[in-house]
Structures are given as C-alpha cells and as structure tokens.
Amino acid sequence: MEEPKTLFEHLAQARNITVEEMRAIIAARIEAGMNDPDPEKRASWERIPRAGEIPTPEEWLRYAVERLEAEGRGDLLRWYKIF
C-alpha cells in the first residue's frame, strides 16, 4: 500500500474512506462550527482566514498548522509523520 502524501490522505486511509469523503466530513464540521449557537465557538471559527464565506478544509488545515507552530506545539504535527 502506498504511503499517504497529505494529511487528508492519511486520515482517509486510516478510516478506510476516500479523500473526497474525508474532505466532506471536515467541511461539514467546519460549517457546523461556523454556525455554532455558542458565540465564543463561532468566533474562533470566524478567525480562520478564508477566501469565501466558509473556510475550505485546506484553509482550516493551514490555519491549524500555523497556530500550532506559533504556539510552539509543532511537535504535535510530527506525530502524523507526514509533515
């Protein structure tokens, strides 16, 4: 079996689903967060830089990685062994 090249491929392979299905799951979670009734939770999702109204899975991932690195938690990224 070929090694996954991206985090989305890694997550999809671990769940035995397609990358498109994994992206759809992440997109649904992003949309749920953007529409959360809790204003604090919604505000945290609103901070994600994005080109459109709702962040894409790639925009969310870029933001998450940048936050982890800025907070000195880049070690958590090494756990996946794909970065």
PDB file of N, CA and C in Angstrom:
ATOM      1  N   MET A   1       0.849  -1.184   0.000  1.00  0.00           N
ATOM      2  CA  MET A   1       0.000   0.000   0.000  1.00  0.00           C
ATOM      3  C   MET A   1       0.894   1.246   0.000  1.00  0.00           C
ATOM      4  N   GLU A   2       0.558   2.182  -0.851  1.00  0.00           N
ATOM      5  CA  GLU A   2       1.329   3.411  -0.970  1.00  0.00           C
ATOM      6  C   GLU A   2       1.141   4.291   0.264  1.00  0.00           C
ATOM      7  N   GLU A   3       2.244   4.931   0.674  1.00  0.00           N
ATOM      8  CA  GLU A   3       2.188   5.842   1.831  1.00  0.00           C
ATOM      9  C   GLU A   3       1.370   7.083   1.479  1.00  0.00           C
ATOM     10  N   PRO A   4       0.541   7.557   2.410  1.00  0.00           N
ATOM     11  CA  PRO A   4      -0.227   8.780   2.150  1.00  0.00           C
ATOM     12  C   PRO A   4       0.703   9.982   2.022  1.00  0.00           C
ATOM     13  N   LYS A   5       0.328  10.924   1.156  1.00  0.00           N
ATOM     14  CA  LYS A   5       1.156  12.103   0.908  1.00  0.00           C
ATOM     15  C   LYS A   5       0.658  13.336   1.649  1.00  0.00           C
ATOM     16  N   THR A   6      -0.603  13.381   1.964  1.00  0.00           N
ATOM     17  CA  THR A   6      -1.168  14.545   2.647  1.00  0.00           C
ATOM     18  C   THR A   6      -1.887  14.086   3.907  1.00  0.00           C
ATOM     19  N   LEU A   7      -2.189  15.028   4.772  1.00  0.00           N
ATOM     20  CA  LEU A   7      -2.936  14.698   5.983  1.00  0.00           C
ATOM     21  C   LEU A   7      -4.307  14.144   5.612  1.00  0.00           C
ATOM     22  N   PHE A   8      -4.948  14.714   4.604  1.00  0.00           N
ATOM     23  CA  PHE A   8      -6.258  14.224   4.194  1.00  0.00           C
ATOM     24  C   PHE A   8      -6.161  12.766   3.727  1.00  0.00           C
ATOM     25  N   GLU A   9      -5.105  12.438   2.987  1.00  0.00           N
ATOM     26  CA  GLU A   9      -4.912  11.057   2.552  1.00  0.00           C
ATOM     27  C   GLU A   9      -4.668  10.148   3.751  1.00  0.00           C
ATOM     28  N   HIS A  10      -3.874  10.621   4.688  1.00  0.00           N
ATOM     29  CA  HIS A  10      -3.576   9.843   5.896  1.00  0.00           C
ATOM     30  C   HIS A  10      -4.854   9.563   6.685  1.00  0.00           C
ATOM     31  N   LEU A  11      -5.659  10.587   6.920  1.00  0.00           N
ATOM     32  CA  LEU A  11      -6.893  10.424   7.675  1.00  0.00           C
ATOM     33  C   LEU A  11      -7.882   9.521   6.937  1.00  0.00           C
ATOM     34  N   ALA A  12      -7.981   9.696   5.627  1.00  0.00           N
ATOM     35  CA  ALA A  12      -8.899   8.875   4.838  1.00  0.00           C
ATOM     36  C   ALA A  12      -8.461   7.411   4.871  1.00  0.00           C
ATOM     37  N   GLN A  13      -7.184   7.177   4.693  1.00  0.00           N
ATOM     38  CA  GLN A  13      -6.666   5.808   4.707  1.00  0.00           C
ATOM     39  C   GLN A  13      -6.904   5.152   6.066  1.00  0.00           C
ATOM     40  N   ALA A  14      -6.693   5.904   7.141  1.00  0.00           N
ATOM     41  CA  ALA A  14      -6.890   5.364   8.487  1.00  0.00           C
ATOM     42  C   ALA A  14      -8.358   4.998   8.728  1.00  0.00           C
ATOM     43  N   ARG A  15      -9.268   5.675   8.042  1.00  0.00           N
ATOM     44  CA  ARG A  15     -10.702   5.426   8.222  1.00  0.00           C
ATOM     45  C   ARG A  15     -11.293   4.559   7.113  1.00  0.00           C
ATOM     46  N   ASN A  16     -10.426   4.161   6.168  1.00  0.00           N
ATOM     47  CA  ASN A  16     -10.843   3.334   5.039  1.00  0.00           C
ATOM     48  C   ASN A  16     -11.960   4.000   4.234  1.00  0.00           C
ATOM     49  N   ILE A  17     -11.770   5.298   3.966  1.00  0.00           N
ATOM     50  CA  ILE A  17     -12.699   6.067   3.137  1.00  0.00           C
ATOM     51  C   ILE A  17     -11.886   6.811   2.086  1.00  0.00           C
ATOM     52  N   THR A  18     -12.567   7.449   1.145  1.00  0.00           N
ATOM     53  CA  THR A  18     -11.858   8.211   0.119  1.00  0.00           C
ATOM     54  C   THR A  18     -11.448   9.583   0.662  1.00  0.00           C
ATOM     55  N   VAL A  19     -10.518  10.192  -0.018  1.00  0.00           N
ATOM     56  CA  VAL A  19     -10.083  11.538   0.353  1.00  0.00           C
ATOM     57  C   VAL A  19     -11.262  12.511   0.214  1.00  0.00           C
ATOM     58  N   GLU A  20     -12.080  12.319  -0.814  1.00  0.00           N
ATOM     59  CA  GLU A  20     -13.242  13.185  -1.009  1.00  0.00           C
ATOM     60  C   GLU A  20     -14.209  13.056   0.163  1.00  0.00           C
ATOM     61  N   GLU A  21     -14.407  11.828   0.656  1.00  0.00           N
ATOM     62  CA  GLU A  21     -15.275  11.634   1.819  1.00  0.00           C
ATOM     63  C   GLU A  21     -14.678  12.299   3.059  1.00  0.00           C
ATOM     64  N   MET A  22     -13.354  12.211   3.202  1.00  0.00           N
ATOM     65  CA  MET A  22     -12.694  12.847   4.347  1.00  0.00           C
ATOM     66  C   MET A  22     -12.850  14.351   4.278  1.00  0.00           C
ATOM     67  N   ARG A  23     -12.647  14.930   3.101  1.00  0.00           N
ATOM     68  CA  ARG A  23     -12.824  16.376   2.936  1.00  0.00           C
ATOM     69  C   ARG A  23     -14.264  16.790   3.240  1.00  0.00           C
ATOM     70  N   ALA A  24     -15.229  15.959   2.825  1.00  0.00           N
ATOM     71  CA  ALA A  24     -16.644  16.269   3.087  1.00  0.00           C
ATOM     72  C   ALA A  24     -16.930  16.246   4.591  1.00  0.00           C
ATOM     73  N   ILE A  25     -16.344  15.311   5.314  1.00  0.00           N
ATOM     74  CA  ILE A  25     -16.521  15.239   6.766  1.00  0.00           C
ATOM     75  C   ILE A  25     -15.949  16.493   7.424  1.00  0.00           C
ATOM     76  N   ILE A  26     -14.742  16.869   7.002  1.00  0.00           N
ATOM     77  CA  ILE A  26     -14.100  18.058   7.571  1.00  0.00           C
ATOM     78  C   ILE A  26     -14.900  19.307   7.222  1.00  0.00           C
ATOM     79  N   ALA A  27     -15.354  19.404   5.971  1.00  0.00           N
ATOM     80  CA  ALA A  27     -16.144  20.567   5.550  1.00  0.00           C
ATOM     81  C   ALA A  27     -17.429  20.673   6.368  1.00  0.00           C
ATOM     82  N   ALA A  28     -18.058  19.544   6.648  1.00  0.00           N
ATOM     83  CA  ALA A  28     -19.287  19.559   7.450  1.00  0.00           C
ATOM     84  C   ALA A  28     -19.002  20.035   8.866  1.00  0.00           C
ATOM     85  N   ARG A  29     -17.883  19.631   9.423  1.00  0.00           N
ATOM     86  CA  ARG A  29     -17.516  20.071  10.773  1.00  0.00           C
ATOM     87  C   ARG A  29     -17.195  21.559  10.794  1.00  0.00           C
ATOM     88  N   ILE A  30     -16.542  22.038   9.751  1.00  0.00           N
ATOM     89  CA  ILE A  30     -16.246  23.469   9.659  1.00  0.00           C
ATOM     90  C   ILE A  30     -17.554  24.254   9.590  1.00  0.00           C
ATOM     91  N   GLU A  31     -18.465  23.812   8.734  1.00  0.00           N
ATOM     92  CA  GLU A  31     -19.746  24.512   8.595  1.00  0.00           C
ATOM     93  C   GLU A  31     -20.523  24.495   9.908  1.00  0.00           C
ATOM     94  N   ALA A  32     -20.501  23.365  10.607  1.00  0.00           N
ATOM     95  CA  ALA A  32     -21.182  23.285  11.906  1.00  0.00           C
ATOM     96  C   ALA A  32     -20.559  24.273  12.892  1.00  0.00           C
ATOM     97  N   GLY A  33     -19.246  24.384  12.888  1.00  0.00           N
ATOM     98  CA  GLY A  33     -18.568  25.330  13.769  1.00  0.00           C
ATOM     99  C   GLY A  33     -18.892  26.771  13.436  1.00  0.00           C
ATOM    100  N   MET A  34     -18.965  27.067  12.153  1.00  0.00           N
ATOM    101  CA  MET A  34     -19.276  28.430  11.720  1.00  0.00           C
ATOM    102  C   MET A  34     -20.707  28.821  12.096  1.00  0.00           C
ATOM    103  N   ASN A  35     -21.559  27.824  12.299  1.00  0.00           N
ATOM    104  CA  ASN A  35     -22.958  28.072  12.639  1.00  0.00           C
ATOM    105  C   ASN A  35     -23.291  27.685  14.075  1.00  0.00           C
ATOM    106  N   ASP A  36     -22.275  27.486  14.895  1.00  0.00           N
ATOM    107  CA  ASP A  36     -22.499  27.073  16.285  1.00  0.00           C
ATOM    108  C   ASP A  36     -23.292  28.156  17.026  1.00  0.00           C
ATOM    109  N   PRO A  37     -24.248  27.755  17.854  1.00  0.00           N
ATOM    110  CA  PRO A  37     -25.020  28.747  18.597  1.00  0.00           C
ATOM    111  C   PRO A  37     -24.208  29.464  19.682  1.00  0.00           C
ATOM    112  N   ASP A  38     -23.097  28.874  20.091  1.00  0.00           N
ATOM    113  CA  ASP A  38     -22.233  29.493  21.103  1.00  0.00           C
ATOM    114  C   ASP A  38     -21.377  30.566  20.427  1.00  0.00           C
ATOM    115  N   PRO A  39     -21.543  31.850  20.795  1.00  0.00           N
ATOM    116  CA  PRO A  39     -20.808  32.926  20.124  1.00  0.00           C
ATOM    117  C   PRO A  39     -19.295  32.802  20.253  1.00  0.00           C
ATOM    118  N   GLU A  40     -18.801  32.268  21.359  1.00  0.00           N
ATOM    119  CA  GLU A  40     -17.347  32.106  21.521  1.00  0.00           C
ATOM    120  C   GLU A  40     -16.805  31.056  20.556  1.00  0.00           C
ATOM    121  N   LYS A  41     -17.508  29.953  20.437  1.00  0.00           N
ATOM    122  CA  LYS A  41     -17.076  28.911  19.500  1.00  0.00           C
ATOM    123  C   LYS A  41     -17.145  29.431  18.067  1.00  0.00           C
ATOM    124  N   ARG A  42     -18.233  30.105  17.746  1.00  0.00           N
ATOM    125  CA  ARG A  42     -18.397  30.657  16.399  1.00  0.00           C
ATOM    126  C   ARG A  42     -17.280  31.658  16.094  1.00  0.00           C
ATOM    127  N   ALA A  43     -16.935  32.483  17.070  1.00  0.00           N
ATOM    128  CA  ALA A  43     -15.873  33.479  16.875  1.00  0.00           C
ATOM    129  C   ALA A  43     -14.537  32.811  16.591  1.00  0.00           C
ATOM    130  N   SER A  44     -14.266  31.685  17.245  1.00  0.00           N
ATOM    131  CA  SER A  44     -12.991  31.002  16.997  1.00  0.00           C
ATOM    132  C   SER A  44     -12.930  30.488  15.560  1.00  0.00           C
ATOM    133  N   TRP A  45     -14.047  30.032  15.023  1.00  0.00           N
ATOM    134  CA  TRP A  45     -14.083  29.598  13.623  1.00  0.00           C
ATOM    135  C   TRP A  45     -13.977  30.790  12.685  1.00  0.00           C
ATOM    136  N   GLU A  46     -14.549  31.918  13.076  1.00  0.00           N
ATOM    137  CA  GLU A  46     -14.509  33.120  12.235  1.00  0.00           C
ATOM    138  C   GLU A  46     -13.085  33.645  12.048  1.00  0.00           C
ATOM    139  N   ARG A  47     -12.184  33.316  12.958  1.00  0.00           N
ATOM    140  CA  ARG A  47     -10.797  33.791  12.860  1.00  0.00           C
ATOM    141  C   ARG A  47     -10.004  33.094  11.757  1.00  0.00           C
ATOM    142  N   ILE A  48     -10.520  32.024  11.220  1.00  0.00           N
ATOM    143  CA  ILE A  48      -9.789  31.299  10.173  1.00  0.00           C
ATOM    144  C   ILE A  48      -9.788  32.128   8.892  1.00  0.00           C
ATOM    145  N   PRO A  49      -8.598  32.489   8.394  1.00  0.00           N
ATOM    146  CA  PRO A  49      -8.524  33.227   7.126  1.00  0.00           C
ATOM    147  C   PRO A  49      -9.101  32.369   5.998  1.00  0.00           C
ATOM    148  N   ARG A  50      -9.881  33.003   5.128  1.00  0.00           N
ATOM    149  CA  ARG A  50     -10.525  32.253   4.062  1.00  0.00           C
ATOM    150  C   ARG A  50     -10.835  33.165   2.892  1.00  0.00           C
ATOM    151  N   ALA A  51     -10.947  32.567   1.734  1.00  0.00           N
ATOM    152  CA  ALA A  51     -11.277  33.337   0.534  1.00  0.00           C
ATOM    153  C   ALA A  51     -12.782  33.524   0.403  1.00  0.00           C
ATOM    154  N   GLY A  52     -13.556  32.546   0.857  1.00  0.00           N
ATOM    155  CA  GLY A  52     -15.005  32.613   0.732  1.00  0.00           C
ATOM    156  C   GLY A  52     -15.687  32.787   2.075  1.00  0.00           C
ATOM    157  N   GLU A  53     -16.954  32.480   2.084  1.00  0.00           N
ATOM    158  CA  GLU A  53     -17.748  32.635   3.306  1.00  0.00           C
ATOM    159  C   GLU A  53     -17.383  31.595   4.369  1.00  0.00           C
ATOM    160  N   ILE A  54     -17.096  30.373   3.923  1.00  0.00           N
ATOM    161  CA  ILE A  54     -16.767  29.271   4.834  1.00  0.00           C
ATOM    162  C   ILE A  54     -15.373  28.770   4.467  1.00  0.00           C
ATOM    163  N   PRO A  55     -14.494  28.552   5.459  1.00  0.00           N
ATOM    164  CA  PRO A  55     -13.154  28.039   5.138  1.00  0.00           C
ATOM    165  C   PRO A  55     -13.228  26.659   4.478  1.00  0.00           C
ATOM    166  N   THR A  56     -12.335  26.436   3.558  1.00  0.00           N
ATOM    167  CA  THR A  56     -12.208  25.109   2.959  1.00  0.00           C
ATOM    168  C   THR A  56     -11.416  24.226   3.920  1.00  0.00           C
ATOM    169  N   PRO A  57     -11.455  22.911   3.733  1.00  0.00           N
ATOM    170  CA  PRO A  57     -10.622  22.049   4.573  1.00  0.00           C
ATOM    171  C   PRO A  57      -9.133  22.437   4.505  1.00  0.00           C
ATOM    172  N   GLU A  58      -8.681  22.841   3.330  1.00  0.00           N
ATOM    173  CA  GLU A  58      -7.276  23.246   3.188  1.00  0.00           C
ATOM    174  C   GLU A  58      -6.985  24.532   3.967  1.00  0.00           C
ATOM    175  N   GLU A  59      -7.911  25.491   3.923  1.00  0.00           N
ATOM    176  CA  GLU A  59      -7.730  26.739   4.678  1.00  0.00           C
ATOM    177  C   GLU A  59      -7.738  26.457   6.178  1.00  0.00           C
ATOM    178  N   TRP A  60      -8.639  25.571   6.619  1.00  0.00           N
ATOM    179  CA  TRP A  60      -8.671  25.188   8.029  1.00  0.00           C
ATOM    180  C   TRP A  60      -7.360  24.519   8.437  1.00  0.00           C
ATOM    181  N   LEU A  61      -6.862  23.595   7.620  1.00  0.00           N
ATOM    182  CA  LEU A  61      -5.632  22.886   7.944  1.00  0.00           C
ATOM    183  C   LEU A  61      -4.447  23.849   8.011  1.00  0.00           C
ATOM    184  N   ARG A  62      -4.344  24.755   7.047  1.00  0.00           N
ATOM    185  CA  ARG A  62      -3.253  25.737   7.048  1.00  0.00           C
ATOM    186  C   ARG A  62      -3.290  26.564   8.337  1.00  0.00           C
ATOM    187  N   TYR A  63      -4.477  27.013   8.708  1.00  0.00           N
ATOM    188  CA  TYR A  63      -4.650  27.806   9.928  1.00  0.00           C
ATOM    189  C   TYR A  63      -4.261  26.989  11.159  1.00  0.00           C
ATOM    190  N   ALA A  64      -4.713  25.756  11.237  1.00  0.00           N
ATOM    191  CA  ALA A  64      -4.416  24.906  12.388  1.00  0.00           C
ATOM    192  C   ALA A  64      -2.911  24.666  12.515  1.00  0.00           C
ATOM    193  N   VAL A  65      -2.251  24.385  11.410  1.00  0.00           N
ATOM    194  CA  VAL A  65      -0.806  24.145  11.430  1.00  0.00           C
ATOM    195  C   VAL A  65      -0.065  25.417  11.852  1.00  0.00           C
ATOM    196  N   GLU A  66      -0.452  26.548  11.294  1.00  0.00           N
ATOM    197  CA  GLU A  66       0.194  27.816  11.657  1.00  0.00           C
ATOM    198  C   GLU A  66       0.006  28.128  13.137  1.00  0.00           C
ATOM    199  N   ARG A  67      -1.188  27.880  13.665  1.00  0.00           N
ATOM    200  CA  ARG A  67      -1.440  28.121  15.099  1.00  0.00           C
ATOM    201  C   ARG A  67      -0.583  27.216  15.971  1.00  0.00           C
ATOM    202  N   LEU A  68      -0.516  25.940  15.624  1.00  0.00           N
ATOM    203  CA  LEU A  68       0.298  25.013  16.407  1.00  0.00           C
ATOM    204  C   LEU A  68       1.762  25.440  16.401  1.00  0.00           C
ATOM    205  N   GLU A  69       2.271  25.804  15.247  1.00  0.00           N
ATOM    206  CA  GLU A  69       3.668  26.232  15.150  1.00  0.00           C
ATOM    207  C   GLU A  69       3.893  27.531  15.920  1.00  0.00           C
ATOM    208  N   ALA A  70       2.976  28.486  15.816  1.00  0.00           N
ATOM    209  CA  ALA A  70       3.111  29.764  16.518  1.00  0.00           C
ATOM    210  C   ALA A  70       3.074  29.580  18.034  1.00  0.00           C
ATOM    211  N   GLU A  71       2.342  28.582  18.482  1.00  0.00           N
ATOM    212  CA  GLU A  71       2.234  28.307  19.913  1.00  0.00           C
ATOM    213  C   GLU A  71       3.318  27.354  20.411  1.00  0.00           C
ATOM    214  N   GLY A  72       4.299  27.048  19.532  1.00  0.00           N
ATOM    215  CA  GLY A  72       5.385  26.157  19.920  1.00  0.00           C
ATOM    216  C   GLY A  72       4.957  24.711  20.073  1.00  0.00           C
ATOM    217  N   ARG A  73       3.884  24.325  19.412  1.00  0.00           N
ATOM    218  CA  ARG A  73       3.363  22.963  19.520  1.00  0.00           C
ATOM    219  C   ARG A  73       3.551  22.185  18.226  1.00  0.00           C
ATOM    220  N   GLY A  74       4.532  22.588  17.426  1.00  0.00           N
ATOM    221  CA  GLY A  74       4.811  21.894  16.176  1.00  0.00           C
ATOM    222  C   GLY A  74       5.119  20.422  16.368  1.00  0.00           C
ATOM    223  N   ASP A  75       5.518  20.059  17.595  1.00  0.00           N
ATOM    224  CA  ASP A  75       5.791  18.649  17.887  1.00  0.00           C
ATOM    225  C   ASP A  75       4.558  17.785  17.660  1.00  0.00           C
ATOM    226  N   LEU A  76       3.377  18.341  17.823  1.00  0.00           N
ATOM    227  CA  LEU A  76       2.152  17.577  17.583  1.00  0.00           C
ATOM    228  C   LEU A  76       2.002  17.196  16.102  1.00  0.00           C
ATOM    229  N   LEU A  77       2.571  18.008  15.229  1.00  0.00           N
ATOM    230  CA  LEU A  77       2.492  17.714  13.799  1.00  0.00           C
ATOM    231  C   LEU A  77       3.371  16.531  13.431  1.00  0.00           C
ATOM    232  N   ARG A  78       4.450  16.339  14.130  1.00  0.00           N
ATOM    233  CA  ARG A  78       5.372  15.241  13.838  1.00  0.00           C
ATOM    234  C   ARG A  78       4.716  13.889  14.117  1.00  0.00           C
ATOM    235  N   TRP A  79       3.704  13.880  14.969  1.00  0.00           N
ATOM    236  CA  TRP A  79       3.018  12.645  15.331  1.00  0.00           C
ATOM    237  C   TRP A  79       2.452  11.948  14.098  1.00  0.00           C
ATOM    238  N   TYR A  80       2.026  12.726  13.115  1.00  0.00           N
ATOM    239  CA  TYR A  80       1.459  12.148  11.903  1.00  0.00           C
ATOM    240  C   TYR A  80       2.521  11.698  10.919  1.00  0.00           C
ATOM    241  N   LYS A  81       3.752  12.120  11.096  1.00  0.00           N
ATOM    242  CA  LYS A  81       4.891  11.725  10.277  1.00  0.00           C
ATOM    243  C   LYS A  81       4.709  12.030   8.792  1.00  0.00           C
ATOM    244  N   ILE A  82       3.923  13.052   8.495  1.00  0.00           N
ATOM    245  CA  ILE A  82       3.786  13.404   7.076  1.00  0.00           C
ATOM    246  C   ILE A  82       4.176  14.855   6.839  1.00  0.00           C
ATOM    247  N   PHE A  83       4.493  15.586   7.888  1.00  0.00           N
ATOM    248  CA  PHE A  83       4.903  16.988   7.722  1.00  0.00           C
ATOM    249  C   PHE A  83       6.400  17.082   7.785  1.00  0.00           C
TER     250      PHE A  83
END
